[in-house]
Amino acid sequence: MIVSDWKEVPEFSGEKEEAAFWEEAQLDVRLMENSVMASPTSKDSVTITLRMDPRMLSKIKWIARTRFLNYQSMIKQWLSERMEEENKK
């Protein structure tokens, strides 16, 4: 299943349910790109250095490849989603 609209992603009751969903689903690359580009700060970009465990980075790159995404874009998307969650609290 290709998720081409965020409305297609259900609310999950737990991590197991979310993991099961994402085992079968993939984000449409255009959805990911549009979400990153729609950010109000997307015009201003700052380069940062982030130290990370090599095994964690390898796992992130693997996940990104399975979703046909650039791993850096995927990390930015994850951070953006997490910020939205935190802002809702």
N, C-alpha and C. Protein backbone atom coordinates (compact mmCIF):
# COMPACT_ATOMS: atom_id res chain seq x y z
N MET A 1 0.85 -1.18 0.00
CA MET A 1 0.00 0.00 0.00
C MET A 1 0.89 1.24 0.00
N ILE A 2 0.60 2.16 -0.89
CA ILE A 2 1.32 3.43 -0.96
C ILE A 2 0.45 4.51 -0.33
N VAL A 3 0.96 5.18 0.68
CA VAL A 3 0.23 6.25 1.36
C VAL A 3 0.53 7.54 0.61
N SER A 4 -0.49 8.09 -0.04
CA SER A 4 -0.29 9.31 -0.83
C SER A 4 -0.95 10.53 -0.19
N ASP A 5 -1.59 10.34 0.97
CA ASP A 5 -2.22 11.44 1.69
C ASP A 5 -2.13 11.11 3.18
N TRP A 6 -1.78 12.10 3.99
CA TRP A 6 -1.63 11.85 5.43
C TRP A 6 -2.92 11.36 6.07
N LYS A 7 -4.07 11.65 5.45
CA LYS A 7 -5.36 11.20 5.99
C LYS A 7 -5.50 9.69 5.91
N GLU A 8 -4.68 9.05 5.09
CA GLU A 8 -4.71 7.60 4.95
C GLU A 8 -4.01 6.89 6.11
N VAL A 9 -3.26 7.64 6.92
CA VAL A 9 -2.56 7.05 8.06
C VAL A 9 -3.50 7.12 9.26
N PRO A 10 -3.88 5.97 9.81
CA PRO A 10 -4.83 5.97 10.92
C PRO A 10 -4.18 6.38 12.24
N GLU A 11 -5.01 6.65 13.24
CA GLU A 11 -4.52 6.86 14.60
C GLU A 11 -4.22 5.47 15.16
N PHE A 12 -3.07 5.31 15.78
CA PHE A 12 -2.67 4.01 16.29
C PHE A 12 -2.88 3.95 17.80
N SER A 13 -3.29 2.77 18.27
CA SER A 13 -3.49 2.60 19.71
C SER A 13 -2.19 2.19 20.40
N GLY A 14 -1.21 1.78 19.62
CA GLY A 14 0.06 1.39 20.22
C GLY A 14 1.12 1.16 19.17
N GLU A 15 2.34 0.90 19.64
CA GLU A 15 3.46 0.71 18.72
C GLU A 15 3.30 -0.53 17.85
N LYS A 16 2.73 -1.60 18.40
CA LYS A 16 2.57 -2.83 17.62
C LYS A 16 1.64 -2.59 16.44
N GLU A 17 0.56 -1.88 16.69
CA GLU A 17 -0.40 -1.57 15.62
C GLU A 17 0.26 -0.70 14.56
N GLU A 18 1.04 0.29 15.00
CA GLU A 18 1.73 1.17 14.05
C GLU A 18 2.78 0.39 13.25
N ALA A 19 3.52 -0.48 13.92
CA ALA A 19 4.54 -1.29 13.23
C ALA A 19 3.89 -2.19 12.18
N ALA A 20 2.76 -2.79 12.53
CA ALA A 20 2.06 -3.66 11.58
C ALA A 20 1.59 -2.86 10.36
N PHE A 21 1.11 -1.65 10.59
CA PHE A 21 0.66 -0.81 9.49
C PHE A 21 1.82 -0.49 8.55
N TRP A 22 2.97 -0.07 9.13
CA TRP A 22 4.09 0.36 8.30
C TRP A 22 4.83 -0.81 7.65
N GLU A 23 4.60 -2.03 8.13
CA GLU A 23 5.16 -3.19 7.44
C GLU A 23 4.50 -3.37 6.08
N GLU A 24 3.26 -2.95 5.97
CA GLU A 24 2.50 -3.09 4.72
C GLU A 24 2.44 -1.80 3.91
N ALA A 25 2.72 -0.67 4.54
CA ALA A 25 2.54 0.63 3.87
C ALA A 25 3.87 1.32 3.60
N GLN A 26 3.86 2.16 2.57
CA GLN A 26 5.01 3.00 2.24
C GLN A 26 4.50 4.40 1.96
N LEU A 27 5.31 5.40 2.32
CA LEU A 27 4.95 6.77 1.99
C LEU A 27 5.30 7.06 0.54
N ASP A 28 4.39 7.71 -0.14
CA ASP A 28 4.67 8.20 -1.49
C ASP A 28 5.78 9.25 -1.36
N VAL A 29 6.79 9.14 -2.19
CA VAL A 29 7.94 10.05 -2.13
C VAL A 29 7.47 11.50 -2.24
N ARG A 30 6.50 11.76 -3.08
CA ARG A 30 6.01 13.14 -3.26
C ARG A 30 5.38 13.68 -1.98
N LEU A 31 4.73 12.81 -1.21
CA LEU A 31 4.13 13.24 0.05
C LEU A 31 5.22 13.67 1.02
N MET A 32 6.28 12.88 1.10
CA MET A 32 7.40 13.22 1.98
C MET A 32 8.04 14.53 1.53
N GLU A 33 8.30 14.68 0.25
CA GLU A 33 8.94 15.89 -0.26
C GLU A 33 8.06 17.11 -0.04
N ASN A 34 6.75 16.97 -0.28
CA ASN A 34 5.84 18.09 -0.10
C ASN A 34 5.75 18.49 1.37
N SER A 35 5.79 17.53 2.26
CA SER A 35 5.71 17.83 3.69
C SER A 35 6.94 18.59 4.15
N VAL A 36 8.09 18.17 3.69
CA VAL A 36 9.32 18.86 4.07
C VAL A 36 9.35 20.25 3.46
N MET A 37 8.93 20.36 2.20
CA MET A 37 8.95 21.65 1.51
C MET A 37 7.89 22.61 2.05
N ALA A 38 6.80 22.09 2.62
CA ALA A 38 5.73 22.94 3.11
C ALA A 38 6.08 23.60 4.44
N SER A 39 7.12 23.17 5.06
CA SER A 39 7.53 23.72 6.35
C SER A 39 7.84 25.20 6.19
N PRO A 40 7.41 26.03 7.15
CA PRO A 40 7.65 27.46 7.02
C PRO A 40 9.13 27.82 7.02
N THR A 41 9.98 26.96 7.55
CA THR A 41 11.41 27.26 7.60
C THR A 41 12.16 26.63 6.43
N SER A 42 11.43 26.05 5.48
CA SER A 42 12.11 25.35 4.39
C SER A 42 12.93 26.28 3.51
N LYS A 43 12.64 27.57 3.50
CA LYS A 43 13.40 28.52 2.68
C LYS A 43 14.75 28.81 3.32
N ASP A 44 14.80 28.74 4.64
CA ASP A 44 16.04 28.98 5.36
C ASP A 44 16.55 27.64 5.87
N SER A 45 17.71 27.27 5.41
CA SER A 45 18.26 25.98 5.79
C SER A 45 19.61 26.19 6.46
N VAL A 46 19.81 25.43 7.54
CA VAL A 46 21.05 25.52 8.29
C VAL A 46 21.68 24.13 8.31
N THR A 47 22.96 24.07 8.06
CA THR A 47 23.67 22.80 8.13
C THR A 47 24.11 22.57 9.56
N ILE A 48 23.86 21.35 10.05
CA ILE A 48 24.29 20.99 11.40
C ILE A 48 25.12 19.72 11.34
N THR A 49 25.85 19.47 12.41
CA THR A 49 26.57 18.21 12.55
C THR A 49 25.94 17.46 13.70
N LEU A 50 25.64 16.21 13.46
CA LEU A 50 24.99 15.38 14.46
C LEU A 50 25.76 14.08 14.59
N ARG A 51 26.28 13.82 15.77
CA ARG A 51 27.01 12.57 15.98
C ARG A 51 26.01 11.48 16.30
N MET A 52 26.20 10.31 15.68
CA MET A 52 25.24 9.24 15.81
C MET A 52 25.96 7.90 15.81
N ASP A 53 25.42 6.98 16.55
CA ASP A 53 25.96 5.62 16.57
C ASP A 53 25.90 5.07 15.14
N PRO A 54 27.00 4.52 14.63
CA PRO A 54 27.02 4.02 13.24
C PRO A 54 25.95 2.96 12.97
N ARG A 55 25.65 2.14 13.97
CA ARG A 55 24.62 1.11 13.77
C ARG A 55 23.25 1.73 13.61
N MET A 56 23.00 2.80 14.39
CA MET A 56 21.72 3.50 14.28
C MET A 56 21.59 4.14 12.89
N LEU A 57 22.65 4.78 12.44
CA LEU A 57 22.63 5.41 11.12
C LEU A 57 22.41 4.37 10.02
N SER A 58 23.06 3.23 10.14
CA SER A 58 22.87 2.17 9.15
C SER A 58 21.43 1.72 9.11
N LYS A 59 20.83 1.58 10.28
CA LYS A 59 19.42 1.16 10.35
C LYS A 59 18.51 2.22 9.73
N ILE A 60 18.79 3.48 10.01
CA ILE A 60 18.00 4.58 9.43
C ILE A 60 18.13 4.57 7.91
N LYS A 61 19.34 4.42 7.41
CA LYS A 61 19.54 4.37 5.96
C LYS A 61 18.81 3.19 5.34
N TRP A 62 18.82 2.06 6.02
CA TRP A 62 18.11 0.88 5.52
C TRP A 62 16.61 1.15 5.43
N ILE A 63 16.05 1.73 6.50
CA ILE A 63 14.61 2.06 6.50
C ILE A 63 14.30 3.01 5.34
N ALA A 64 15.13 4.02 5.17
CA ALA A 64 14.91 4.99 4.09
C ALA A 64 14.95 4.31 2.73
N ARG A 65 15.92 3.42 2.52
CA ARG A 65 16.01 2.71 1.23
C ARG A 65 14.77 1.87 0.97
N THR A 66 14.26 1.21 2.01
CA THR A 66 13.07 0.37 1.81
C THR A 66 11.85 1.22 1.45
N ARG A 67 11.88 2.49 1.79
CA ARG A 67 10.78 3.41 1.47
C ARG A 67 11.11 4.29 0.27
N PHE A 68 12.25 4.04 -0.38
CA PHE A 68 12.70 4.81 -1.54
C PHE A 68 12.83 6.29 -1.21
N LEU A 69 13.41 6.58 -0.04
CA LEU A 69 13.58 7.95 0.41
C LEU A 69 15.04 8.26 0.65
N ASN A 70 15.37 9.52 0.63
CA ASN A 70 16.67 9.99 1.06
C ASN A 70 16.67 9.95 2.59
N TYR A 71 17.70 9.38 3.19
CA TYR A 71 17.68 9.21 4.64
C TYR A 71 17.66 10.54 5.39
N GLN A 72 18.32 11.57 4.86
CA GLN A 72 18.31 12.86 5.53
C GLN A 72 16.92 13.50 5.48
N SER A 73 16.23 13.35 4.36
CA SER A 73 14.86 13.87 4.26
C SER A 73 13.94 13.13 5.22
N MET A 74 14.15 11.82 5.35
CA MET A 74 13.32 11.04 6.26
C MET A 74 13.56 11.47 7.70
N ILE A 75 14.81 11.71 8.08
CA ILE A 75 15.11 12.18 9.43
C ILE A 75 14.44 13.52 9.68
N LYS A 76 14.51 14.44 8.70
CA LYS A 76 13.85 15.74 8.86
C LYS A 76 12.35 15.57 9.02
N GLN A 77 11.78 14.64 8.27
CA GLN A 77 10.34 14.40 8.38
C GLN A 77 9.99 13.87 9.76
N TRP A 78 10.78 12.93 10.27
CA TRP A 78 10.55 12.38 11.60
C TRP A 78 10.62 13.48 12.66
N LEU A 79 11.62 14.35 12.53
CA LEU A 79 11.75 15.46 13.49
C LEU A 79 10.56 16.40 13.40
N SER A 80 10.13 16.68 12.18
CA SER A 80 8.98 17.55 11.98
C SER A 80 7.72 16.96 12.61
N GLU A 81 7.50 15.66 12.40
CA GLU A 81 6.33 15.00 12.98
C GLU A 81 6.39 15.01 14.50
N ARG A 82 7.56 14.79 15.05
CA ARG A 82 7.72 14.79 16.50
C ARG A 82 7.47 16.17 17.08
N MET A 83 7.93 17.23 16.39
CA MET A 83 7.68 18.59 16.85
C MET A 83 6.18 18.88 16.86
N GLU A 84 5.47 18.42 15.85
CA GLU A 84 4.03 18.60 15.80
C GLU A 84 3.36 17.92 16.99
N GLU A 85 3.81 16.70 17.31
CA GLU A 85 3.27 15.98 18.48
C GLU A 85 3.52 16.76 19.76
N GLU A 86 4.72 17.26 19.92
CA GLU A 86 5.08 18.01 21.13
C GLU A 86 4.26 19.30 21.23
N ASN A 87 4.00 19.95 20.09
CA ASN A 87 3.22 21.19 20.10
C ASN A 87 1.77 20.95 20.46
N LYS A 88 1.27 19.73 20.24
CA LYS A 88 -0.11 19.42 20.57
C LYS A 88 -0.32 19.24 22.07
N LYS A 89 0.76 18.99 22.80
CA LYS A 89 0.67 18.75 24.26
C LYS A 89 0.42 20.02 25.02
